[in-house]
Amino acid sequence: MARPLRSRVSLQIIVGVVILAVAGAVVFAVAQGTRRTSAPTAGATHTAAPAGIATAVGSVPASVFDTVGIGTAKVAPAKIDAPGLTDGGKPQVVYVGGEFCPFCAAERWPLAVALARFGTFDALGETSSAPAPEVYPGTATLSFHGATFTSDYLSLAAREIYDRDHKPLDKLTDAEQQVLSTYDAPPYTQTSGSIPFIDFGGGRVIAGAQYTPDVLAGKTQAQIAAALSQPGSPIAQAVIGAANVLTVGLCEQTAGQPASVCRSKGVQTAAAAMGAG
């Protein structure tokens, strides 16, 4: 399995909310175990996603998932055996990212698509990753800041801890911080403190993006959303393939429900590629 692509934000960069743009930086450090004390604020370039974007994310045809299979996704969530968070008796998915981060920008698309197979989003946002000199500047993406997710099967704690200008945004709860501090580190991930980070109810974790953000280069959110239902497009091959992989981890938490999703050809293809099932 190829090494994950990561965006890491250095603690030294963020202390005192001092923003240092480092030319040519490919990796950004997120400080492990850091507590966020500032209240959430609106992202500098965060806006509500048009209804058509959310509709496209939540209405990818089943035939597209089955045709794409694993597509060009390169990274699978690592299997762990850890106590996971729950909410209302449902297993909780914990996502930690930052609006500035191009690898988070890439990974939000498949995560949103995968979760939409189990429930519905309300108030999804849209933004783009930080401009040059950051790597993959201005990658068009969604934002989970302010969004809610409703599902009969899963709950979601999605935190964008920095906005596009590297300013503090969402706060982690103590329990979410404990998950991040414990499982966003070896031996669960290859390096400590990487974003995007996703914990699947203590069953799997992933740190990094499953495909390179350059697949989305020069595209708007509307163009990316439209390409999701075109199985032969490079965007669908990356995003839908990654979504099938993420769906495997989600189905493990829901005991294989809904069966129409978890037993679908695309998910079973991804599970076989991951050695799961």
C-alpha atoms as a PDB file:
ATOM      1  CA  MET A   1       0.000   0.000   0.000  1.00  0.00           C
ATOM      2  CA  ALA A   2       1.381   3.375  -0.918  1.00  0.00           C
ATOM      3  CA  ARG A   3       2.320   5.776   1.812  1.00  0.00           C
ATOM      4  CA  PRO A   4      -0.444   8.227   2.756  1.00  0.00           C
ATOM      5  CA  LEU A   5      -0.311  11.825   1.675  1.00  0.00           C
ATOM      6  CA  ARG A   6      -0.378  14.086   4.674  1.00  0.00           C
ATOM      7  CA  SER A   7      -0.817  17.675   5.640  1.00  0.00           C
ATOM      8  CA  ARG A   8       0.798  18.550   8.942  1.00  0.00           C
ATOM      9  CA  VAL A   9       0.707  21.806  10.823  1.00  0.00           C
ATOM     10  CA  SER A  10       3.695  22.589  13.034  1.00  0.00           C
ATOM     11  CA  LEU A  11       3.028  23.590  16.639  1.00  0.00           C
ATOM     12  CA  GLN A  12       5.776  26.166  16.366  1.00  0.00           C
ATOM     13  CA  ILE A  13       3.929  27.752  13.465  1.00  0.00           C
ATOM     14  CA  ILE A  14       0.696  28.062  15.355  1.00  0.00           C
ATOM     15  CA  VAL A  15       1.846  29.125  18.865  1.00  0.00           C
ATOM     16  CA  GLY A  16       0.381  32.524  19.608  1.00  0.00           C
ATOM     17  CA  VAL A  17      -1.636  32.206  16.400  1.00  0.00           C
ATOM     18  CA  VAL A  18       1.423  33.490  14.504  1.00  0.00           C
ATOM     19  CA  ILE A  19       1.078  32.632  10.822  1.00  0.00           C
ATOM     20  CA  LEU A  20       4.261  31.842   8.940  1.00  0.00           C
ATOM     21  CA  ALA A  21       3.948  30.949   5.282  1.00  0.00           C
ATOM     22  CA  VAL A  22       6.793  28.603   4.434  1.00  0.00           C
ATOM     23  CA  ALA A  23       7.549  28.522   0.719  1.00  0.00           C
ATOM     24  CA  GLY A  24       7.704  25.069  -0.760  1.00  0.00           C
ATOM     25  CA  ALA A  25       6.381  23.309   2.344  1.00  0.00           C
ATOM     26  CA  VAL A  26       4.781  20.022   1.467  1.00  0.00           C
ATOM     27  CA  VAL A  27       4.088  18.746   4.975  1.00  0.00           C
ATOM     28  CA  PHE A  28       2.336  20.652   7.737  1.00  0.00           C
ATOM     29  CA  ALA A  29       2.659  19.702  11.417  1.00  0.00           C
ATOM     30  CA  VAL A  30      -0.415  19.547  13.693  1.00  0.00           C
ATOM     31  CA  ALA A  31       0.654  19.478  17.301  1.00  0.00           C
ATOM     32  CA  GLN A  32      -0.339  16.292  18.977  1.00  0.00           C
ATOM     33  CA  GLY A  33      -2.138  16.717  22.296  1.00  0.00           C
ATOM     34  CA  THR A  34      -2.699  20.466  21.923  1.00  0.00           C
ATOM     35  CA  ARG A  35      -5.820  21.890  23.560  1.00  0.00           C
ATOM     36  CA  ARG A  36      -7.818  24.505  21.679  1.00  0.00           C
ATOM     37  CA  THR A  37      -8.958  27.316  23.927  1.00  0.00           C
ATOM     38  CA  SER A  38     -10.266  29.848  21.416  1.00  0.00           C
ATOM     39  CA  ALA A  39     -13.960  29.770  20.517  1.00  0.00           C
ATOM     40  CA  PRO A  40     -14.990  28.687  17.025  1.00  0.00           C
ATOM     41  CA  THR A  41     -15.159  31.498  14.505  1.00  0.00           C
ATOM     42  CA  ALA A  42     -16.330  31.761  10.924  1.00  0.00           C
ATOM     43  CA  GLY A  43     -13.787  30.679   8.354  1.00  0.00           C
ATOM     44  CA  ALA A  44     -12.302  33.580   6.412  1.00  0.00           C
ATOM     45  CA  THR A  45     -13.428  32.199   3.064  1.00  0.00           C
ATOM     46  CA  HIS A  46     -16.040  29.724   4.243  1.00  0.00           C
ATOM     47  CA  THR A  47     -19.440  29.926   2.554  1.00  0.00           C
ATOM     48  CA  ALA A  48     -22.510  27.706   2.396  1.00  0.00           C
ATOM     49  CA  ALA A  49     -22.323  25.124  -0.360  1.00  0.00           C
ATOM     50  CA  PRO A  50     -25.057  25.544  -2.983  1.00  0.00           C
ATOM     51  CA  ALA A  51     -27.863  23.009  -2.712  1.00  0.00           C
ATOM     52  CA  GLY A  52     -26.765  21.397  -5.954  1.00  0.00           C
ATOM     53  CA  ILE A  53     -23.367  20.500  -4.497  1.00  0.00           C
ATOM     54  CA  ALA A  54     -24.862  18.701  -1.489  1.00  0.00           C
ATOM     55  CA  THR A  55     -27.355  16.958  -3.765  1.00  0.00           C
ATOM     56  CA  ALA A  56     -24.595  15.721  -6.077  1.00  0.00           C
ATOM     57  CA  VAL A  57     -22.556  14.447  -3.126  1.00  0.00           C
ATOM     58  CA  GLY A  58     -25.542  12.538  -1.754  1.00  0.00           C
ATOM     59  CA  SER A  59     -26.947  11.138  -4.986  1.00  0.00           C
ATOM     60  CA  VAL A  60     -24.090   9.312  -6.699  1.00  0.00           C
ATOM     61  CA  PRO A  61     -25.739   6.339  -8.461  1.00  0.00           C
ATOM     62  CA  ALA A  62     -25.054   2.889  -7.046  1.00  0.00           C
ATOM     63  CA  SER A  63     -23.883   1.824 -10.497  1.00  0.00           C
ATOM     64  CA  VAL A  64     -21.071   4.384 -10.332  1.00  0.00           C
ATOM     65  CA  PHE A  65     -19.776   2.994  -7.023  1.00  0.00           C
ATOM     66  CA  ASP A  66     -19.908  -0.521  -8.468  1.00  0.00           C
ATOM     67  CA  THR A  67     -18.189   0.448 -11.722  1.00  0.00           C
ATOM     68  CA  VAL A  68     -15.360   2.375 -10.057  1.00  0.00           C
ATOM     69  CA  GLY A  69     -14.642  -0.105  -7.255  1.00  0.00           C
ATOM     70  CA  ILE A  70     -11.393   0.994  -5.627  1.00  0.00           C
ATOM     71  CA  GLY A  71     -10.500   3.205  -8.594  1.00  0.00           C
ATOM     72  CA  THR A  72      -7.227   5.024  -8.076  1.00  0.00           C
ATOM     73  CA  ALA A  73      -7.464   5.233  -4.270  1.00  0.00           C
ATOM     74  CA  LYS A  74      -4.071   4.457  -2.762  1.00  0.00           C
ATOM     75  CA  VAL A  75      -4.524   4.467   1.025  1.00  0.00           C
ATOM     76  CA  ALA A  76      -6.782   2.283   3.157  1.00  0.00           C
ATOM     77  CA  PRO A  77      -7.797   2.888   6.776  1.00  0.00           C
ATOM     78  CA  ALA A  78      -5.611   0.854   9.118  1.00  0.00           C
ATOM     79  CA  LYS A  79      -7.337  -1.733  11.275  1.00  0.00           C
ATOM     80  CA  ILE A  80      -7.112  -1.091  15.017  1.00  0.00           C
ATOM     81  CA  ASP A  81      -8.845  -2.470  18.078  1.00  0.00           C
ATOM     82  CA  ALA A  82      -9.607   0.468  20.314  1.00  0.00           C
ATOM     83  CA  PRO A  83     -12.540   1.849  22.272  1.00  0.00           C
ATOM     84  CA  GLY A  84     -14.390   4.230  19.986  1.00  0.00           C
ATOM     85  CA  LEU A  85     -16.632   7.161  20.777  1.00  0.00           C
ATOM     86  CA  THR A  86     -20.400   6.840  20.543  1.00  0.00           C
ATOM     87  CA  ASP A  87     -23.236   9.339  20.428  1.00  0.00           C
ATOM     88  CA  GLY A  88     -26.846   8.393  21.057  1.00  0.00           C
ATOM     89  CA  GLY A  89     -25.859   4.738  21.070  1.00  0.00           C
ATOM     90  CA  LYS A  90     -24.392   5.001  17.563  1.00  0.00           C
ATOM     91  CA  PRO A  91     -20.690   4.600  16.688  1.00  0.00           C
ATOM     92  CA  GLN A  92     -19.057   7.949  16.098  1.00  0.00           C
ATOM     93  CA  VAL A  93     -16.777   8.857  13.238  1.00  0.00           C
ATOM     94  CA  VAL A  94     -14.232  11.492  14.269  1.00  0.00           C
ATOM     95  CA  TYR A  95     -12.769  13.680  11.528  1.00  0.00           C
ATOM     96  CA  VAL A  96     -10.112  16.320  12.226  1.00  0.00           C
ATOM     97  CA  GLY A  97      -8.938  18.643   9.457  1.00  0.00           C
ATOM     98  CA  GLY A  98      -8.226  22.224   8.515  1.00  0.00           C
ATOM     99  CA  GLU A  99      -9.697  24.382   5.777  1.00  0.00           C
ATOM    100  CA  PHE A 100      -6.232  25.552   4.691  1.00  0.00           C
ATOM    101  CA  CYS A 101      -5.008  21.988   4.107  1.00  0.00           C
ATOM    102  CA  PRO A 102      -4.945  20.666   0.496  1.00  0.00           C
ATOM    103  CA  PHE A 103      -4.859  17.025   1.579  1.00  0.00           C
ATOM    104  CA  CYS A 104      -7.899  17.644   3.782  1.00  0.00           C
ATOM    105  CA  ALA A 105      -9.486  19.323   0.759  1.00  0.00           C
ATOM    106  CA  ALA A 106      -9.006  16.135  -1.240  1.00  0.00           C
ATOM    107  CA  GLU A 107     -10.182  13.761   1.495  1.00  0.00           C
ATOM    108  CA  ARG A 108     -13.366  15.660   2.394  1.00  0.00           C
ATOM    109  CA  TRP A 109     -14.935  14.755  -0.953  1.00  0.00           C
ATOM    110  CA  PRO A 110     -14.826  10.946  -0.498  1.00  0.00           C
ATOM    111  CA  LEU A 111     -15.637  11.200   3.200  1.00  0.00           C
ATOM    112  CA  ALA A 112     -18.747  13.266   2.480  1.00  0.00           C
ATOM    113  CA  VAL A 113     -19.758  10.919  -0.352  1.00  0.00           C
ATOM    114  CA  ALA A 114     -19.239   7.829   1.834  1.00  0.00           C
ATOM    115  CA  LEU A 115     -21.141   9.255   4.815  1.00  0.00           C
ATOM    116  CA  ALA A 116     -24.000  10.348   2.550  1.00  0.00           C
ATOM    117  CA  ARG A 117     -24.645   6.640   1.895  1.00  0.00           C
ATOM    118  CA  PHE A 118     -25.621   6.317   5.573  1.00  0.00           C
ATOM    119  CA  GLY A 119     -27.414   9.611   6.229  1.00  0.00           C
ATOM    120  CA  THR A 120     -27.817  13.227   5.204  1.00  0.00           C
ATOM    121  CA  PHE A 121     -25.814  16.408   5.629  1.00  0.00           C
ATOM    122  CA  ASP A 122     -27.252  19.801   6.392  1.00  0.00           C
ATOM    123  CA  ALA A 123     -25.376  23.097   6.001  1.00  0.00           C
ATOM    124  CA  LEU A 124     -22.314  21.691   4.251  1.00  0.00           C
ATOM    125  CA  GLY A 125     -19.884  24.486   3.479  1.00  0.00           C
ATOM    126  CA  GLU A 126     -17.461  25.081   0.666  1.00  0.00           C
ATOM    127  CA  THR A 127     -14.022  26.609   0.683  1.00  0.00           C
ATOM    128  CA  SER A 128     -10.651  26.132  -0.962  1.00  0.00           C
ATOM    129  CA  SER A 129      -7.272  25.273   0.471  1.00  0.00           C
ATOM    130  CA  ALA A 130      -4.724  27.999   1.160  1.00  0.00           C
ATOM    131  CA  PRO A 131      -3.175  29.894  -1.758  1.00  0.00           C
ATOM    132  CA  ALA A 132       0.431  29.697  -2.965  1.00  0.00           C
ATOM    133  CA  PRO A 133       3.096  29.217  -1.753  1.00  0.00           C
ATOM    134  CA  GLU A 134       1.268  26.284  -0.146  1.00  0.00           C
ATOM    135  CA  VAL A 135       1.357  23.056  -2.124  1.00  0.00           C
ATOM    136  CA  TYR A 136      -1.703  22.372  -4.331  1.00  0.00           C
ATOM    137  CA  PRO A 137      -2.962  25.933  -3.751  1.00  0.00           C
ATOM    138  CA  GLY A 138      -6.639  26.781  -3.911  1.00  0.00           C
ATOM    139  CA  THR A 139      -7.946  23.223  -4.113  1.00  0.00           C
ATOM    140  CA  ALA A 140     -11.745  23.456  -4.291  1.00  0.00           C
ATOM    141  CA  THR A 141     -13.420  21.524  -1.517  1.00  0.00           C
ATOM    142  CA  LEU A 142     -16.194  21.205   1.026  1.00  0.00           C
ATOM    143  CA  SER A 143     -16.078  22.209   4.673  1.00  0.00           C
ATOM    144  CA  PHE A 144     -17.632  20.432   7.633  1.00  0.00           C
ATOM    145  CA  HIS A 145     -17.508  23.583   9.779  1.00  0.00           C
ATOM    146  CA  GLY A 146     -21.074  24.226  10.951  1.00  0.00           C
ATOM    147  CA  ALA A 147     -22.473  21.188   9.134  1.00  0.00           C
ATOM    148  CA  THR A 148     -24.683  18.559  10.757  1.00  0.00           C
ATOM    149  CA  PHE A 149     -25.045  14.888   9.849  1.00  0.00           C
ATOM    150  CA  THR A 150     -28.179  12.837  10.545  1.00  0.00           C
ATOM    151  CA  SER A 151     -28.116   9.043  10.305  1.00  0.00           C
ATOM    152  CA  ASP A 152     -29.868   5.997  11.723  1.00  0.00           C
ATOM    153  CA  TYR A 153     -26.528   4.181  11.764  1.00  0.00           C
ATOM    154  CA  LEU A 154     -23.665   6.544  12.612  1.00  0.00           C
ATOM    155  CA  SER A 155     -22.832   9.818  14.301  1.00  0.00           C
ATOM    156  CA  LEU A 156     -20.198  12.276  13.139  1.00  0.00           C
ATOM    157  CA  ALA A 157     -17.869  14.624  14.977  1.00  0.00           C
ATOM    158  CA  ALA A 158     -16.262  16.641  12.180  1.00  0.00           C
ATOM    159  CA  ARG A 159     -13.886  19.410  13.252  1.00  0.00           C
ATOM    160  CA  GLU A 160     -12.098  21.903  11.044  1.00  0.00           C
ATOM    161  CA  ILE A 161      -9.619  23.089  13.634  1.00  0.00           C
ATOM    162  CA  TYR A 162      -8.118  25.812  11.418  1.00  0.00           C
ATOM    163  CA  ASP A 163      -9.611  28.046   8.754  1.00  0.00           C
ATOM    164  CA  ARG A 164      -8.075  28.873   5.378  1.00  0.00           C
ATOM    165  CA  ASP A 165      -5.811  31.470   7.029  1.00  0.00           C
ATOM    166  CA  HIS A 166      -4.507  28.984   9.644  1.00  0.00           C
ATOM    167  CA  LYS A 167      -6.579  30.655  12.375  1.00  0.00           C
ATOM    168  CA  PRO A 168      -8.237  28.487  15.060  1.00  0.00           C
ATOM    169  CA  LEU A 169     -11.724  27.417  14.086  1.00  0.00           C
ATOM    170  CA  ASP A 170     -13.524  24.422  15.632  1.00  0.00           C
ATOM    171  CA  LYS A 171     -12.636  23.135  19.097  1.00  0.00           C
ATOM    172  CA  LEU A 172     -12.135  19.497  19.939  1.00  0.00           C
ATOM    173  CA  THR A 173     -13.901  18.075  22.968  1.00  0.00           C
ATOM    174  CA  ASP A 174     -11.716  16.405  25.565  1.00  0.00           C
ATOM    175  CA  ALA A 175     -12.804  12.993  24.284  1.00  0.00           C
ATOM    176  CA  GLU A 176     -12.051  13.917  20.666  1.00  0.00           C
ATOM    177  CA  GLN A 177      -8.683  15.324  21.676  1.00  0.00           C
ATOM    178  CA  GLN A 178      -7.893  12.060  23.435  1.00  0.00           C
ATOM    179  CA  VAL A 179      -8.723  10.102  20.275  1.00  0.00           C
ATOM    180  CA  LEU A 180      -6.498  12.392  18.206  1.00  0.00           C
ATOM    181  CA  SER A 181      -3.615  12.326  20.685  1.00  0.00           C
ATOM    182  CA  THR A 182      -3.710   8.553  21.086  1.00  0.00           C
ATOM    183  CA  TYR A 183      -4.445   7.243  17.599  1.00  0.00           C
ATOM    184  CA  ASP A 184      -2.978   9.897  15.310  1.00  0.00           C
ATOM    185  CA  ALA A 185       0.455   8.526  16.142  1.00  0.00           C
ATOM    186  CA  PRO A 186       2.546   5.383  15.630  1.00  0.00           C
ATOM    187  CA  PRO A 187       1.835   2.487  15.660  1.00  0.00           C
ATOM    188  CA  TYR A 188      -1.631   3.457  14.443  1.00  0.00           C
ATOM    189  CA  THR A 189      -0.397   5.947  11.838  1.00  0.00           C
ATOM    190  CA  GLN A 190       3.015   6.356  10.247  1.00  0.00           C
ATOM    191  CA  THR A 191       3.756   9.722  11.873  1.00  0.00           C
ATOM    192  CA  SER A 192       2.296  11.743  14.731  1.00  0.00           C
ATOM    193  CA  GLY A 193      -0.167  14.570  14.404  1.00  0.00           C
ATOM    194  CA  SER A 194      -1.208  14.376  10.749  1.00  0.00           C
ATOM    195  CA  ILE A 195      -4.344  15.814   9.197  1.00  0.00           C
ATOM    196  CA  PRO A 196      -6.731  14.886   7.786  1.00  0.00           C
ATOM    197  CA  PHE A 197      -7.329  12.295  10.479  1.00  0.00           C
ATOM    198  CA  ILE A 198     -10.348   9.994  10.636  1.00  0.00           C
ATOM    199  CA  ASP A 199     -11.251   7.509  13.370  1.00  0.00           C
ATOM    200  CA  PHE A 200     -13.952   4.970  12.495  1.00  0.00           C
ATOM    201  CA  GLY A 201     -15.420   4.241  15.914  1.00  0.00           C
ATOM    202  CA  GLY A 202     -12.166   2.756  17.132  1.00  0.00           C
ATOM    203  CA  GLY A 203     -12.180   0.129  14.379  1.00  0.00           C
ATOM    204  CA  ARG A 204      -9.940   1.834  11.830  1.00  0.00           C
ATOM    205  CA  VAL A 205      -8.004   5.064  11.461  1.00  0.00           C
ATOM    206  CA  ILE A 206      -6.596   6.938   8.510  1.00  0.00           C
ATOM    207  CA  ALA A 207      -4.232   9.906   8.434  1.00  0.00           C
ATOM    208  CA  GLY A 208      -3.704  11.567   5.082  1.00  0.00           C
ATOM    209  CA  ALA A 209      -5.418  11.708   1.703  1.00  0.00           C
ATOM    210  CA  GLN A 210      -6.106   8.674  -0.472  1.00  0.00           C
ATOM    211  CA  TYR A 211      -5.166  10.446  -3.701  1.00  0.00           C
ATOM    212  CA  THR A 212      -3.144  13.474  -4.701  1.00  0.00           C
ATOM    213  CA  PRO A 213      -5.027  16.780  -4.732  1.00  0.00           C
ATOM    214  CA  ASP A 214      -3.771  17.564  -8.229  1.00  0.00           C
ATOM    215  CA  VAL A 215      -6.679  15.469  -9.549  1.00  0.00           C
ATOM    216  CA  LEU A 216      -8.865  18.422  -8.515  1.00  0.00           C
ATOM    217  CA  ALA A 217      -6.546  21.159  -9.826  1.00  0.00           C
ATOM    218  CA  GLY A 218      -8.298  23.953 -11.692  1.00  0.00           C
ATOM    219  CA  LYS A 219     -11.767  22.596 -10.950  1.00  0.00           C
ATOM    220  CA  THR A 220     -14.594  24.337  -9.135  1.00  0.00           C
ATOM    221  CA  GLN A 221     -16.763  22.654  -6.541  1.00  0.00           C
ATOM    222  CA  ALA A 222     -19.558  22.419  -9.123  1.00  0.00           C
ATOM    223  CA  GLN A 223     -17.277  20.755 -11.673  1.00  0.00           C
ATOM    224  CA  ILE A 224     -15.983  18.275  -9.097  1.00  0.00           C
ATOM    225  CA  ALA A 225     -19.500  17.466  -7.926  1.00  0.00           C
ATOM    226  CA  ALA A 226     -20.688  16.908 -11.503  1.00  0.00           C
ATOM    227  CA  ALA A 227     -17.768  14.549 -12.215  1.00  0.00           C
ATOM    228  CA  LEU A 228     -18.667  12.296  -9.276  1.00  0.00           C
ATOM    229  CA  SER A 229     -21.333  10.562 -11.343  1.00  0.00           C
ATOM    230  CA  GLN A 230     -19.037  10.051 -14.352  1.00  0.00           C
ATOM    231  CA  PRO A 231     -17.263   6.769 -13.518  1.00  0.00           C
ATOM    232  CA  GLY A 232     -14.637   7.160 -16.239  1.00  0.00           C
ATOM    233  CA  SER A 233     -13.490  10.600 -15.085  1.00  0.00           C
ATOM    234  CA  PRO A 234     -10.220  10.913 -13.136  1.00  0.00           C
ATOM    235  CA  ILE A 235     -12.153  12.681 -10.376  1.00  0.00           C
ATOM    236  CA  ALA A 236     -14.645   9.831  -9.967  1.00  0.00           C
ATOM    237  CA  GLN A 237     -11.866   7.249 -10.141  1.00  0.00           C
ATOM    238  CA  ALA A 238     -10.140   9.010  -7.225  1.00  0.00           C
ATOM    239  CA  VAL A 239     -13.067  10.247  -5.133  1.00  0.00           C
ATOM    240  CA  ILE A 240     -15.529   7.391  -5.600  1.00  0.00           C
ATOM    241  CA  GLY A 241     -12.765   4.804  -5.277  1.00  0.00           C
ATOM    242  CA  ALA A 242     -11.723   6.420  -1.999  1.00  0.00           C
ATOM    243  CA  ALA A 243     -15.368   6.619  -0.885  1.00  0.00           C
ATOM    244  CA  ASN A 244     -15.788   2.871  -1.407  1.00  0.00           C
ATOM    245  CA  VAL A 245     -12.693   2.273   0.727  1.00  0.00           C
ATOM    246  CA  LEU A 246     -14.035   4.521   3.496  1.00  0.00           C
ATOM    247  CA  THR A 247     -17.414   2.816   3.253  1.00  0.00           C
ATOM    248  CA  VAL A 248     -15.772  -0.481   4.223  1.00  0.00           C
ATOM    249  CA  GLY A 249     -14.700   1.084   7.525  1.00  0.00           C
ATOM    250  CA  LEU A 250     -18.141   2.576   8.055  1.00  0.00           C
ATOM    251  CA  CYS A 251     -19.913  -0.734   7.339  1.00  0.00           C
ATOM    252  CA  GLU A 252     -17.754  -2.447   9.954  1.00  0.00           C
ATOM    253  CA  GLN A 253     -19.214  -0.021  12.496  1.00  0.00           C
ATOM    254  CA  THR A 254     -22.833  -0.484  11.412  1.00  0.00           C
ATOM    255  CA  ALA A 255     -22.761  -4.298  11.384  1.00  0.00           C
ATOM    256  CA  GLY A 256     -23.160  -4.251   7.630  1.00  0.00           C
ATOM    257  CA  GLN A 257     -26.164  -1.958   7.457  1.00  0.00           C
ATOM    258  CA  PRO A 258     -27.687  -0.756   5.244  1.00  0.00           C
ATOM    259  CA  ALA A 259     -27.184  -3.982   3.329  1.00  0.00           C
ATOM    260  CA  SER A 260     -27.834  -2.261   0.010  1.00  0.00           C
ATOM    261  CA  VAL A 261     -24.648  -0.271   0.596  1.00  0.00           C
ATOM    262  CA  CYS A 262     -22.468  -2.673   2.541  1.00  0.00           C
ATOM    263  CA  ARG A 263     -23.112  -5.649   0.258  1.00  0.00           C
ATOM    264  CA  SER A 264     -22.786  -3.663  -2.941  1.00  0.00           C
ATOM    265  CA  LYS A 265     -20.273  -4.722  -5.571  1.00  0.00           C
ATOM    266  CA  GLY A 266     -18.154  -1.574  -5.175  1.00  0.00           C
ATOM    267  CA  VAL A 267     -17.810  -1.956  -1.411  1.00  0.00           C
ATOM    268  CA  GLN A 268     -17.072  -5.674  -1.682  1.00  0.00           C
ATOM    269  CA  THR A 269     -14.387  -4.909  -4.271  1.00  0.00           C
ATOM    270  CA  ALA A 270     -12.816  -2.389  -1.909  1.00  0.00           C
ATOM    271  CA  ALA A 271     -13.059  -4.793   1.028  1.00  0.00           C
ATOM    272  CA  ALA A 272     -11.296  -7.499  -0.948  1.00  0.00           C
ATOM    273  CA  ALA A 273      -8.521  -5.076  -1.928  1.00  0.00           C
ATOM    274  CA  MET A 274      -8.112  -4.108   1.738  1.00  0.00           C
ATOM    275  CA  GLY A 275      -8.146  -7.691   2.958  1.00  0.00           C
ATOM    276  CA  ALA A 276     -11.331  -6.932   4.893  1.00  0.00           C
ATOM    277  CA  GLY A 277     -14.680  -8.642   4.897  1.00  0.00           C
END
